Amino acid sequence: MKNATGTVIINALSGVQKNTIKSEKELIEIFSSIGVSKDEFRKGIESEKVNETVNEWKFQIRKNKIKGTPTLIINNKYKIKEVSNSK
Protein backbone atom coordinates (compact mmCIF):
# COMPACT_ATOMS: atom_id res chain seq x y z
CA MET A 1 0.00 0.00 0.00
CA LYS A 2 2.85 2.41 0.83
CA ASN A 3 4.36 2.26 -2.68
CA ALA A 4 0.94 2.52 -4.31
CA THR A 5 0.16 5.59 -2.21
CA GLY A 6 3.35 7.33 -3.26
CA THR A 7 2.72 6.54 -6.92
CA VAL A 8 -0.86 7.81 -6.77
CA ILE A 9 0.21 11.06 -5.08
CA ILE A 10 3.01 11.63 -7.61
CA ASN A 11 0.64 10.94 -10.49
CA ALA A 12 -1.96 13.27 -8.99
CA LEU A 13 0.60 16.03 -8.54
CA SER A 14 1.78 15.73 -12.12
CA GLY A 15 -1.73 16.74 -13.22
CA VAL A 16 -2.10 19.62 -10.77
CA GLN A 17 -1.01 23.13 -11.69
CA LYS A 18 2.36 24.00 -10.11
CA ASN A 19 2.49 20.54 -8.50
CA THR A 20 0.51 21.56 -5.42
CA ILE A 21 -2.46 20.12 -3.64
CA LYS A 22 -4.54 23.11 -2.63
CA SER A 23 -7.00 21.61 -0.18
CA GLU A 24 -7.66 18.74 2.15
CA LYS A 25 -10.57 17.83 -0.14
CA GLU A 26 -8.14 17.25 -3.03
CA LEU A 27 -5.96 15.10 -0.80
CA ILE A 28 -8.97 13.05 0.33
CA GLU A 29 -9.93 12.51 -3.32
CA ILE A 30 -6.44 11.25 -4.11
CA PHE A 31 -6.53 8.75 -1.25
CA SER A 32 -10.08 7.78 -2.14
CA SER A 33 -8.83 6.76 -5.59
CA ILE A 34 -6.74 4.02 -3.96
CA GLY A 35 -9.53 2.82 -1.69
CA VAL A 36 -8.89 4.85 1.48
CA SER A 37 -12.15 6.12 2.96
CA LYS A 38 -12.52 9.66 4.27
CA ASP A 39 -12.71 8.29 7.84
CA GLU A 40 -9.57 6.19 7.35
CA PHE A 41 -7.79 9.21 5.90
CA ARG A 42 -8.75 11.40 8.87
CA LYS A 43 -7.73 8.70 11.35
CA GLY A 44 -4.33 8.42 9.68
CA ILE A 45 -3.67 12.13 9.20
CA GLU A 46 -4.61 12.88 12.81
CA SER A 47 -2.60 9.98 14.25
CA GLU A 48 0.12 10.44 16.83
CA LYS A 49 2.71 8.97 14.44
CA VAL A 50 1.88 11.50 11.70
CA ASN A 51 2.00 14.38 14.21
CA GLU A 52 5.37 13.17 15.53
CA THR A 53 6.75 12.92 12.00
CA VAL A 54 5.54 16.41 11.03
CA ASN A 55 6.94 17.87 14.25
CA GLU A 56 10.31 16.23 13.54
CA TRP A 57 10.32 17.65 10.00
CA LYS A 58 9.53 21.13 11.35
CA PHE A 59 12.34 20.79 13.91
CA GLN A 60 14.83 19.73 11.23
CA ILE A 61 13.75 22.62 8.98
CA ARG A 62 14.40 25.13 11.78
CA LYS A 63 17.61 23.44 12.93
CA ASN A 64 19.08 23.37 9.43
CA LYS A 65 17.70 26.80 8.50
CA ILE A 66 16.08 25.47 5.36
CA LYS A 67 14.47 28.27 3.40
CA GLY A 68 13.44 26.42 0.25
CA THR A 69 13.69 23.28 -1.79
CA PRO A 70 15.60 21.45 -2.92
CA THR A 71 17.95 21.55 0.05
CA LEU A 72 19.94 18.43 0.88
CA ILE A 73 21.48 17.67 4.26
CA ILE A 74 24.19 15.01 3.99
CA ASN A 75 25.29 13.07 7.06
CA ASN A 76 23.68 15.73 9.25
CA LYS A 77 26.78 17.78 8.43
CA TYR A 78 26.72 19.31 4.95
CA LYS A 79 23.97 21.50 3.49
CA ILE A 80 23.60 21.71 -0.28
CA LYS A 81 21.22 24.51 -1.23
CA GLU A 82 21.02 24.03 -4.98
CA VAL A 83 21.21 20.93 -7.06
CA SER A 84 22.23 21.32 -10.67
CA ASN A 85 21.85 18.78 -13.43
CA SER A 86 24.16 20.67 -15.78
CA LYS A 87 26.25 18.57 -18.12
PDB file of N, CA and C in Angstrom:
ATOM      1  N   MET A   1       0.825  -1.196   0.000  1.00  0.00           N
ATOM      2  CA  MET A   1       0.000   0.000   0.000  1.00  0.00           C
ATOM      3  C   MET A   1       0.868   1.258   0.000  1.00  0.00           C
ATOM      4  N   LYS A   2       1.993   1.229   0.721  1.00  0.00           N
ATOM      5  CA  LYS A   2       2.850   2.407   0.827  1.00  0.00           C
ATOM      6  C   LYS A   2       3.352   2.852  -0.544  1.00  0.00           C
ATOM      7  N   ASN A   3       3.866   1.912  -1.355  1.00  0.00           N
ATOM      8  CA  ASN A   3       4.361   2.264  -2.680  1.00  0.00           C
ATOM      9  C   ASN A   3       3.243   2.746  -3.581  1.00  0.00           C
ATOM     10  N   ALA A   4       2.086   2.103  -3.498  1.00  0.00           N
ATOM     11  CA  ALA A   4       0.936   2.517  -4.306  1.00  0.00           C
ATOM     12  C   ALA A   4       0.521   3.930  -3.933  1.00  0.00           C
ATOM     13  N   THR A   5       0.535   4.246  -2.661  1.00  0.00           N
ATOM     14  CA  THR A   5       0.155   5.586  -2.205  1.00  0.00           C
ATOM     15  C   THR A   5       1.097   6.627  -2.786  1.00  0.00           C
ATOM     16  N   GLY A   6       2.379   6.391  -2.721  1.00  0.00           N
ATOM     17  CA  GLY A   6       3.350   7.331  -3.258  1.00  0.00           C
ATOM     18  C   GLY A   6       3.164   7.537  -4.753  1.00  0.00           C
ATOM     19  N   THR A   7       2.932   6.454  -5.475  1.00  0.00           N
ATOM     20  CA  THR A   7       2.722   6.545  -6.922  1.00  0.00           C
ATOM     21  C   THR A   7       1.473   7.342  -7.244  1.00  0.00           C
ATOM     22  N   VAL A   8       0.393   7.097  -6.527  1.00  0.00           N
ATOM     23  CA  VAL A   8      -0.862   7.815  -6.767  1.00  0.00           C
ATOM     24  C   VAL A   8      -0.687   9.299  -6.490  1.00  0.00           C
ATOM     25  N   ILE A   9      -0.005   9.642  -5.412  1.00  0.00           N
ATOM     26  CA  ILE A   9       0.206  11.059  -5.085  1.00  0.00           C
ATOM     27  C   ILE A   9       1.075  11.724  -6.146  1.00  0.00           C
ATOM     28  N   ILE A  10       2.143  11.069  -6.564  1.00  0.00           N
ATOM     29  CA  ILE A  10       3.006  11.634  -7.606  1.00  0.00           C
ATOM     30  C   ILE A  10       2.224  11.820  -8.899  1.00  0.00           C
ATOM     31  N   ASN A  11       1.441  10.820  -9.276  1.00  0.00           N
ATOM     32  CA  ASN A  11       0.640  10.942 -10.488  1.00  0.00           C
ATOM     33  C   ASN A  11      -0.381  12.066 -10.367  1.00  0.00           C
ATOM     34  N   ALA A  12      -0.990  12.201  -9.194  1.00  0.00           N
ATOM     35  CA  ALA A  12      -1.963  13.273  -8.988  1.00  0.00           C
ATOM     36  C   ALA A  12      -1.290  14.633  -9.075  1.00  0.00           C
ATOM     37  N   LEU A  13      -0.113  14.754  -8.496  1.00  0.00           N
ATOM     38  CA  LEU A  13       0.602  16.028  -8.535  1.00  0.00           C
ATOM     39  C   LEU A  13       1.015  16.408  -9.952  1.00  0.00           C
ATOM     40  N   SER A  14       1.338  15.414 -10.761  1.00  0.00           N
ATOM     41  CA  SER A  14       1.775  15.725 -12.121  1.00  0.00           C
ATOM     42  C   SER A  14       0.650  16.352 -12.938  1.00  0.00           C
ATOM     43  N   GLY A  15      -0.594  16.155 -12.518  1.00  0.00           N
ATOM     44  CA  GLY A  15      -1.726  16.743 -13.224  1.00  0.00           C
ATOM     45  C   GLY A  15      -2.247  18.012 -12.589  1.00  0.00           C
ATOM     46  N   VAL A  16      -1.639  18.437 -11.496  1.00  0.00           N
ATOM     47  CA  VAL A  16      -2.100  19.615 -10.769  1.00  0.00           C
ATOM     48  C   VAL A  16      -1.193  20.783 -11.114  1.00  0.00           C
ATOM     49  N   GLN A  17      -1.788  21.942 -11.350  1.00  0.00           N
ATOM     50  CA  GLN A  17      -1.009  23.130 -11.688  1.00  0.00           C
ATOM     51  C   GLN A  17       0.018  23.423 -10.594  1.00  0.00           C
ATOM     52  N   LYS A  18       1.248  23.675 -11.011  1.00  0.00           N
ATOM     53  CA  LYS A  18       2.356  24.002 -10.113  1.00  0.00           C
ATOM     54  C   LYS A  18       2.643  22.900  -9.093  1.00  0.00           C
ATOM     55  N   ASN A  19       2.206  21.685  -9.361  1.00  0.00           N
ATOM     56  CA  ASN A  19       2.486  20.541  -8.498  1.00  0.00           C
ATOM     57  C   ASN A  19       2.110  20.772  -7.036  1.00  0.00           C
ATOM     58  N   THR A  20       0.961  21.351  -6.800  1.00  0.00           N
ATOM     59  CA  THR A  20       0.507  21.559  -5.424  1.00  0.00           C
ATOM     60  C   THR A  20      -0.886  20.991  -5.236  1.00  0.00           C
ATOM     61  N   ILE A  21      -1.125  20.515  -4.052  1.00  0.00           N
ATOM     62  CA  ILE A  21      -2.464  20.116  -3.637  1.00  0.00           C
ATOM     63  C   ILE A  21      -2.975  21.272  -2.811  1.00  0.00           C
ATOM     64  N   LYS A  22      -4.090  21.852  -3.220  1.00  0.00           N
ATOM     65  CA  LYS A  22      -4.535  23.109  -2.632  1.00  0.00           C
ATOM     66  C   LYS A  22      -5.512  22.955  -1.483  1.00  0.00           C
ATOM     67  N   SER A  23      -6.021  21.754  -1.259  1.00  0.00           N
ATOM     68  CA  SER A  23      -6.995  21.611  -0.180  1.00  0.00           C
ATOM     69  C   SER A  23      -6.993  20.188   0.361  1.00  0.00           C
ATOM     70  N   GLU A  24      -7.517  20.066   1.552  1.00  0.00           N
ATOM     71  CA  GLU A  24      -7.662  18.739   2.147  1.00  0.00           C
ATOM     72  C   GLU A  24      -8.614  17.900   1.300  1.00  0.00           C
ATOM     73  N   LYS A  25      -9.615  18.536   0.719  1.00  0.00           N
ATOM     74  CA  LYS A  25     -10.571  17.827  -0.136  1.00  0.00           C
ATOM     75  C   LYS A  25      -9.856  17.140  -1.297  1.00  0.00           C
ATOM     76  N   GLU A  26      -8.913  17.846  -1.941  1.00  0.00           N
ATOM     77  CA  GLU A  26      -8.142  17.248  -3.035  1.00  0.00           C
ATOM     78  C   GLU A  26      -7.333  16.053  -2.541  1.00  0.00           C
ATOM     79  N   LEU A  27      -6.746  16.185  -1.373  1.00  0.00           N
ATOM     80  CA  LEU A  27      -5.961  15.097  -0.804  1.00  0.00           C
ATOM     81  C   LEU A  27      -6.850  13.889  -0.499  1.00  0.00           C
ATOM     82  N   ILE A  28      -8.024  14.136   0.053  1.00  0.00           N
ATOM     83  CA  ILE A  28      -8.973  13.054   0.330  1.00  0.00           C
ATOM     84  C   ILE A  28      -9.367  12.350  -0.960  1.00  0.00           C
ATOM     85  N   GLU A  29      -9.577  13.105  -2.028  1.00  0.00           N
ATOM     86  CA  GLU A  29      -9.930  12.513  -3.324  1.00  0.00           C
ATOM     87  C   GLU A  29      -8.812  11.622  -3.852  1.00  0.00           C
ATOM     88  N   ILE A  30      -7.577  12.056  -3.676  1.00  0.00           N
ATOM     89  CA  ILE A  30      -6.437  11.252  -4.112  1.00  0.00           C
ATOM     90  C   ILE A  30      -6.406   9.930  -3.358  1.00  0.00           C
ATOM     91  N   PHE A  31      -6.549   9.980  -2.038  1.00  0.00           N
ATOM     92  CA  PHE A  31      -6.528   8.754  -1.250  1.00  0.00           C
ATOM     93  C   PHE A  31      -7.745   7.889  -1.528  1.00  0.00           C
ATOM     94  N   SER A  32      -8.864   8.516  -1.794  1.00  0.00           N
ATOM     95  CA  SER A  32     -10.079   7.782  -2.137  1.00  0.00           C
ATOM     96  C   SER A  32      -9.876   6.952  -3.401  1.00  0.00           C
ATOM     97  N   SER A  33      -9.073   7.467  -4.331  1.00  0.00           N
ATOM     98  CA  SER A  33      -8.833   6.763  -5.589  1.00  0.00           C
ATOM     99  C   SER A  33      -8.065   5.454  -5.400  1.00  0.00           C
ATOM    100  N   ILE A  34      -7.423   5.290  -4.242  1.00  0.00           N
ATOM    101  CA  ILE A  34      -6.741   4.017  -3.959  1.00  0.00           C
ATOM    102  C   ILE A  34      -7.448   3.233  -2.859  1.00  0.00           C
ATOM    103  N   GLY A  35      -8.706   3.603  -2.592  1.00  0.00           N
ATOM    104  CA  GLY A  35      -9.533   2.818  -1.685  1.00  0.00           C
ATOM    105  C   GLY A  35      -9.481   3.218  -0.226  1.00  0.00           C
ATOM    106  N   VAL A  36      -8.939   4.388   0.096  1.00  0.00           N
ATOM    107  CA  VAL A  36      -8.892   4.851   1.484  1.00  0.00           C
ATOM    108  C   VAL A  36     -10.106   5.743   1.727  1.00  0.00           C
ATOM    109  N   SER A  37     -10.944   5.339   2.672  1.00  0.00           N
ATOM    110  CA  SER A  37     -12.147   6.125   2.956  1.00  0.00           C
ATOM    111  C   SER A  37     -11.783   7.443   3.637  1.00  0.00           C
ATOM    112  N   LYS A  38     -12.734   8.361   3.622  1.00  0.00           N
ATOM    113  CA  LYS A  38     -12.524   9.660   4.269  1.00  0.00           C
ATOM    114  C   LYS A  38     -12.222   9.469   5.755  1.00  0.00           C
ATOM    115  N   ASP A  39     -12.941   8.555   6.416  1.00  0.00           N
ATOM    116  CA  ASP A  39     -12.712   8.292   7.840  1.00  0.00           C
ATOM    117  C   ASP A  39     -11.324   7.697   8.079  1.00  0.00           C
ATOM    118  N   GLU A  40     -10.909   6.774   7.219  1.00  0.00           N
ATOM    119  CA  GLU A  40      -9.566   6.188   7.354  1.00  0.00           C
ATOM    120  C   GLU A  40      -8.497   7.262   7.148  1.00  0.00           C
ATOM    121  N   PHE A  41      -8.727   8.123   6.162  1.00  0.00           N
ATOM    122  CA  PHE A  41      -7.794   9.210   5.898  1.00  0.00           C
ATOM    123  C   PHE A  41      -7.648  10.094   7.132  1.00  0.00           C
ATOM    124  N   ARG A  42      -8.775  10.526   7.688  1.00  0.00           N
ATOM    125  CA  ARG A  42      -8.752  11.404   8.870  1.00  0.00           C
ATOM    126  C   ARG A  42      -8.060  10.722  10.050  1.00  0.00           C
ATOM    127  N   LYS A  43      -8.357   9.439  10.254  1.00  0.00           N
ATOM    128  CA  LYS A  43      -7.735   8.698  11.353  1.00  0.00           C
ATOM    129  C   LYS A  43      -6.211   8.679  11.175  1.00  0.00           C
ATOM    130  N   GLY A  44      -5.763   8.462   9.945  1.00  0.00           N
ATOM    131  CA  GLY A  44      -4.326   8.421   9.682  1.00  0.00           C
ATOM    132  C   GLY A  44      -3.670   9.780   9.811  1.00  0.00           C
ATOM    133  N   ILE A  45      -4.275  10.794   9.216  1.00  0.00           N
ATOM    134  CA  ILE A  45      -3.670  12.126   9.198  1.00  0.00           C
ATOM    135  C   ILE A  45      -3.630  12.755  10.589  1.00  0.00           C
ATOM    136  N   GLU A  46      -4.549  12.337  11.448  1.00  0.00           N
ATOM    137  CA  GLU A  46      -4.611  12.883  12.807  1.00  0.00           C
ATOM    138  C   GLU A  46      -3.920  11.979  13.830  1.00  0.00           C
ATOM    139  N   SER A  47      -3.230  10.939  13.343  1.00  0.00           N
ATOM    140  CA  SER A  47      -2.602   9.984  14.250  1.00  0.00           C
ATOM    141  C   SER A  47      -1.386  10.587  14.955  1.00  0.00           C
ATOM    142  N   GLU A  48      -1.048   9.997  16.066  1.00  0.00           N
ATOM    143  CA  GLU A  48       0.118  10.443  16.834  1.00  0.00           C
ATOM    144  C   GLU A  48       1.395  10.297  16.008  1.00  0.00           C
ATOM    145  N   LYS A  49       1.511   9.210  15.251  1.00  0.00           N
ATOM    146  CA  LYS A  49       2.707   8.972  14.437  1.00  0.00           C
ATOM    147  C   LYS A  49       2.878  10.062  13.380  1.00  0.00           C
ATOM    148  N   VAL A  50       1.788  10.447  12.713  1.00  0.00           N
ATOM    149  CA  VAL A  50       1.878  11.504  11.705  1.00  0.00           C
ATOM    150  C   VAL A  50       2.275  12.819  12.366  1.00  0.00           C
ATOM    151  N   ASN A  51       1.659  13.138  13.495  1.00  0.00           N
ATOM    152  CA  ASN A  51       1.998  14.376  14.208  1.00  0.00           C
ATOM    153  C   ASN A  51       3.455  14.386  14.649  1.00  0.00           C
ATOM    154  N   GLU A  52       3.960  13.253  15.142  1.00  0.00           N
ATOM    155  CA  GLU A  52       5.370  13.166  15.534  1.00  0.00           C
ATOM    156  C   GLU A  52       6.286  13.398  14.341  1.00  0.00           C
ATOM    157  N   THR A  53       5.944  12.787  13.210  1.00  0.00           N
ATOM    158  CA  THR A  53       6.754  12.923  12.004  1.00  0.00           C
ATOM    159  C   THR A  53       6.780  14.370  11.523  1.00  0.00           C
ATOM    160  N   VAL A  54       5.620  15.010  11.466  1.00  0.00           N
ATOM    161  CA  VAL A  54       5.542  16.406  11.026  1.00  0.00           C
ATOM    162  C   VAL A  54       6.322  17.304  11.980  1.00  0.00           C
ATOM    163  N   ASN A  55       6.191  17.073  13.273  1.00  0.00           N
ATOM    164  CA  ASN A  55       6.937  17.873  14.247  1.00  0.00           C
ATOM    165  C   ASN A  55       8.441  17.690  14.083  1.00  0.00           C
ATOM    166  N   GLU A  56       8.891  16.480  13.775  1.00  0.00           N
ATOM    167  CA  GLU A  56      10.315  16.226  13.537  1.00  0.00           C
ATOM    168  C   GLU A  56      10.781  16.964  12.283  1.00  0.00           C
ATOM    169  N   TRP A  57       9.967  16.928  11.226  1.00  0.00           N
ATOM    170  CA  TRP A  57      10.324  17.655  10.001  1.00  0.00           C
ATOM    171  C   TRP A  57      10.457  19.149  10.291  1.00  0.00           C
ATOM    172  N   LYS A  58       9.488  19.702  11.023  1.00  0.00           N
ATOM    173  CA  LYS A  58       9.534  21.134  11.352  1.00  0.00           C
ATOM    174  C   LYS A  58      10.788  21.463  12.159  1.00  0.00           C
ATOM    175  N   PHE A  59      11.128  20.593  13.110  1.00  0.00           N
ATOM    176  CA  PHE A  59      12.338  20.795  13.909  1.00  0.00           C
ATOM    177  C   PHE A  59      13.578  20.802  13.021  1.00  0.00           C
ATOM    178  N   GLN A  60      13.667  19.825  12.119  1.00  0.00           N
ATOM    179  CA  GLN A  60      14.832  19.728  11.234  1.00  0.00           C
ATOM    180  C   GLN A  60      14.921  20.932  10.295  1.00  0.00           C
ATOM    181  N   ILE A  61      13.776  21.427   9.835  1.00  0.00           N
ATOM    182  CA  ILE A  61      13.754  22.617   8.976  1.00  0.00           C
ATOM    183  C   ILE A  61      14.325  23.817   9.727  1.00  0.00           C
ATOM    184  N   ARG A  62      13.877  24.019  10.975  1.00  0.00           N
ATOM    185  CA  ARG A  62      14.400  25.131  11.782  1.00  0.00           C
ATOM    186  C   ARG A  62      15.873  24.934  12.102  1.00  0.00           C
ATOM    187  N   LYS A  63      16.227  23.740  12.540  1.00  0.00           N
ATOM    188  CA  LYS A  63      17.608  23.440  12.933  1.00  0.00           C
ATOM    189  C   LYS A  63      18.581  23.677  11.781  1.00  0.00           C
ATOM    190  N   ASN A  64      18.195  23.261  10.590  1.00  0.00           N
ATOM    191  CA  ASN A  64      19.083  23.371   9.432  1.00  0.00           C
ATOM    192  C   ASN A  64      18.857  24.642   8.615  1.00  0.00           C
ATOM    193  N   LYS A  65      17.974  25.507   9.131  1.00  0.00           N
ATOM    194  CA  LYS A  65      17.697  26.804   8.501  1.00  0.00           C
ATOM    195  C   LYS A  65      17.358  26.659   7.019  1.00  0.00           C
ATOM    196  N   ILE A  66      16.498  25.713   6.738  1.00  0.00           N
ATOM    197  CA  ILE A  66      16.082  25.467   5.360  1.00  0.00           C
ATOM    198  C   ILE A  66      15.057  26.519   4.966  1.00  0.00           C
ATOM    199  N   LYS A  67      15.335  27.196   3.879  1.00  0.00           N
ATOM    200  CA  LYS A  67      14.470  28.275   3.400  1.00  0.00           C
ATOM    201  C   LYS A  67      13.705  27.885   2.143  1.00  0.00           C
ATOM    202  N   GLY A  68      14.103  26.811   1.483  1.00  0.00           N
ATOM    203  CA  GLY A  68      13.439  26.416   0.247  1.00  0.00           C
ATOM    204  C   GLY A  68      13.892  25.039  -0.176  1.00  0.00           C
ATOM    205  N   THR A  69      13.332  24.587  -1.268  1.00  0.00           N
ATOM    206  CA  THR A  69      13.685  23.278  -1.787  1.00  0.00           C
ATOM    207  C   THR A  69      14.198  23.423  -3.205  1.00  0.00           C
ATOM    208  N   PRO A  70      15.041  22.553  -3.686  1.00  0.00           N
ATOM    209  CA  PRO A  70      15.599  21.446  -2.917  1.00  0.00           C
ATOM    210  C   PRO A  70      16.772  21.886  -2.048  1.00  0.00           C
ATOM    211  N   THR A  71      16.815  21.402  -0.846  1.00  0.00           N
ATOM    212  CA  THR A  71      17.951  21.548   0.048  1.00  0.00           C
ATOM    213  C   THR A  71      18.279  20.146   0.544  1.00  0.00           C
ATOM    214  N   LEU A  72      19.520  19.756   0.425  1.00  0.00           N
ATOM    215  CA  LEU A  72      19.939  18.431   0.881  1.00  0.00           C
ATOM    216  C   LEU A  72      20.843  18.576   2.088  1.00  0.00           C
ATOM    217  N   ILE A  73      20.594  17.750   3.094  1.00  0.00           N
ATOM    218  CA  ILE A  73      21.478  17.665   4.261  1.00  0.00           C
ATOM    219  C   ILE A  73      22.134  16.287   4.191  1.00  0.00           C
ATOM    220  N   ILE A  74      23.461  16.271   4.128  1.00  0.00           N
ATOM    221  CA  ILE A  74      24.189  15.014   3.991  1.00  0.00           C
ATOM    222  C   ILE A  74      24.930  14.719   5.285  1.00  0.00           C
ATOM    223  N   ASN A  75      24.668  13.526   5.820  1.00  0.00           N
ATOM    224  CA  ASN A  75      25.292  13.069   7.064  1.00  0.00           C
ATOM    225  C   ASN A  75      25.102  14.055   8.206  1.00  0.00           C
ATOM    226  N   ASN A  76      23.993  14.761   8.197  1.00  0.00           N
ATOM    227  CA  ASN A  76      23.682  15.734   9.246  1.00  0.00           C
ATOM    228  C   ASN A  76      24.809  16.749   9.415  1.00  0.00           C
ATOM    229  N   LYS A  77      25.574  16.975   8.330  1.00  0.00           N
ATOM    230  CA  LYS A  77      26.776  17.780   8.428  1.00  0.00           C
ATOM    231  C   LYS A  77      26.884  18.827   7.311  1.00  0.00           C
ATOM    232  N   TYR A  78      26.536  18.445   6.101  1.00  0.00           N
ATOM    233  CA  TYR A  78      26.717  19.314   4.947  1.00  0.00           C
ATOM    234  C   TYR A  78      25.370  19.722   4.367  1.00  0.00           C
ATOM    235  N   LYS A  79      25.207  21.014   4.092  1.00  0.00           N
ATOM    236  CA  LYS A  79      23.975  21.501   3.489  1.00  0.00           C
ATOM    237  C   LYS A  79      24.263  21.923   2.059  1.00  0.00           C
ATOM    238  N   ILE A  80      23.502  21.354   1.133  1.00  0.00           N
ATOM    239  CA  ILE A  80      23.604  21.712  -0.279  1.00  0.00           C
ATOM    240  C   ILE A  80      22.308  22.420  -0.633  1.00  0.00           C
ATOM    241  N   LYS A  81      22.416  23.697  -0.985  1.00  0.00           N
ATOM    242  CA  LYS A  81      21.222  24.510  -1.228  1.00  0.00           C
ATOM    243  C   LYS A  81      20.655  24.336  -2.623  1.00  0.00           C
ATOM    244  N   GLU A  82      21.489  24.159  -3.604  1.00  0.00           N
ATOM    245  CA  GLU A  82      21.020  24.032  -4.979  1.00  0.00           C
ATOM    246  C   GLU A  82      21.593  22.776  -5.591  1.00  0.00           C
ATOM    247  N   VAL A  83      20.763  22.115  -6.356  1.00  0.00           N
ATOM    248  CA  VAL A  83      21.210  20.928  -7.062  1.00  0.00           C
ATOM    249  C   VAL A  83      21.101  21.235  -8.541  1.00  0.00           C
ATOM    250  N   SER A  84      22.201  21.027  -9.247  1.00  0.00           N
ATOM    251  CA  SER A  84      22.228  21.318 -10.667  1.00  0.00           C
ATOM    252  C   SER A  84      22.432  20.042 -11.462  1.00  0.00           C
ATOM    253  N   ASN A  85      21.693  19.917 -12.545  1.00  0.00           N
ATOM    254  CA  ASN A  85      21.848  18.783 -13.435  1.00  0.00           C
ATOM    255  C   ASN A  85      22.618  19.177 -14.691  1.00  0.00           C
ATOM    256  N   SER A  86      23.428  20.208 -14.593  1.00  0.00           N
ATOM    257  CA  SER A  86      24.157  20.671 -15.783  1.00  0.00           C
ATOM    258  C   SER A  86      25.157  19.625 -16.232  1.00  0.00           C
ATOM    259  N   LYS A  87      25.349  19.591 -17.532  1.00  0.00           N
ATOM    260  CA  LYS A  87      26.248  18.569 -18.117  1.00  0.00           C
ATOM    261  C   LYS A  87      27.537  19.196 -18.564  1.00  0.00           C
TER     262      LYS A  87
END
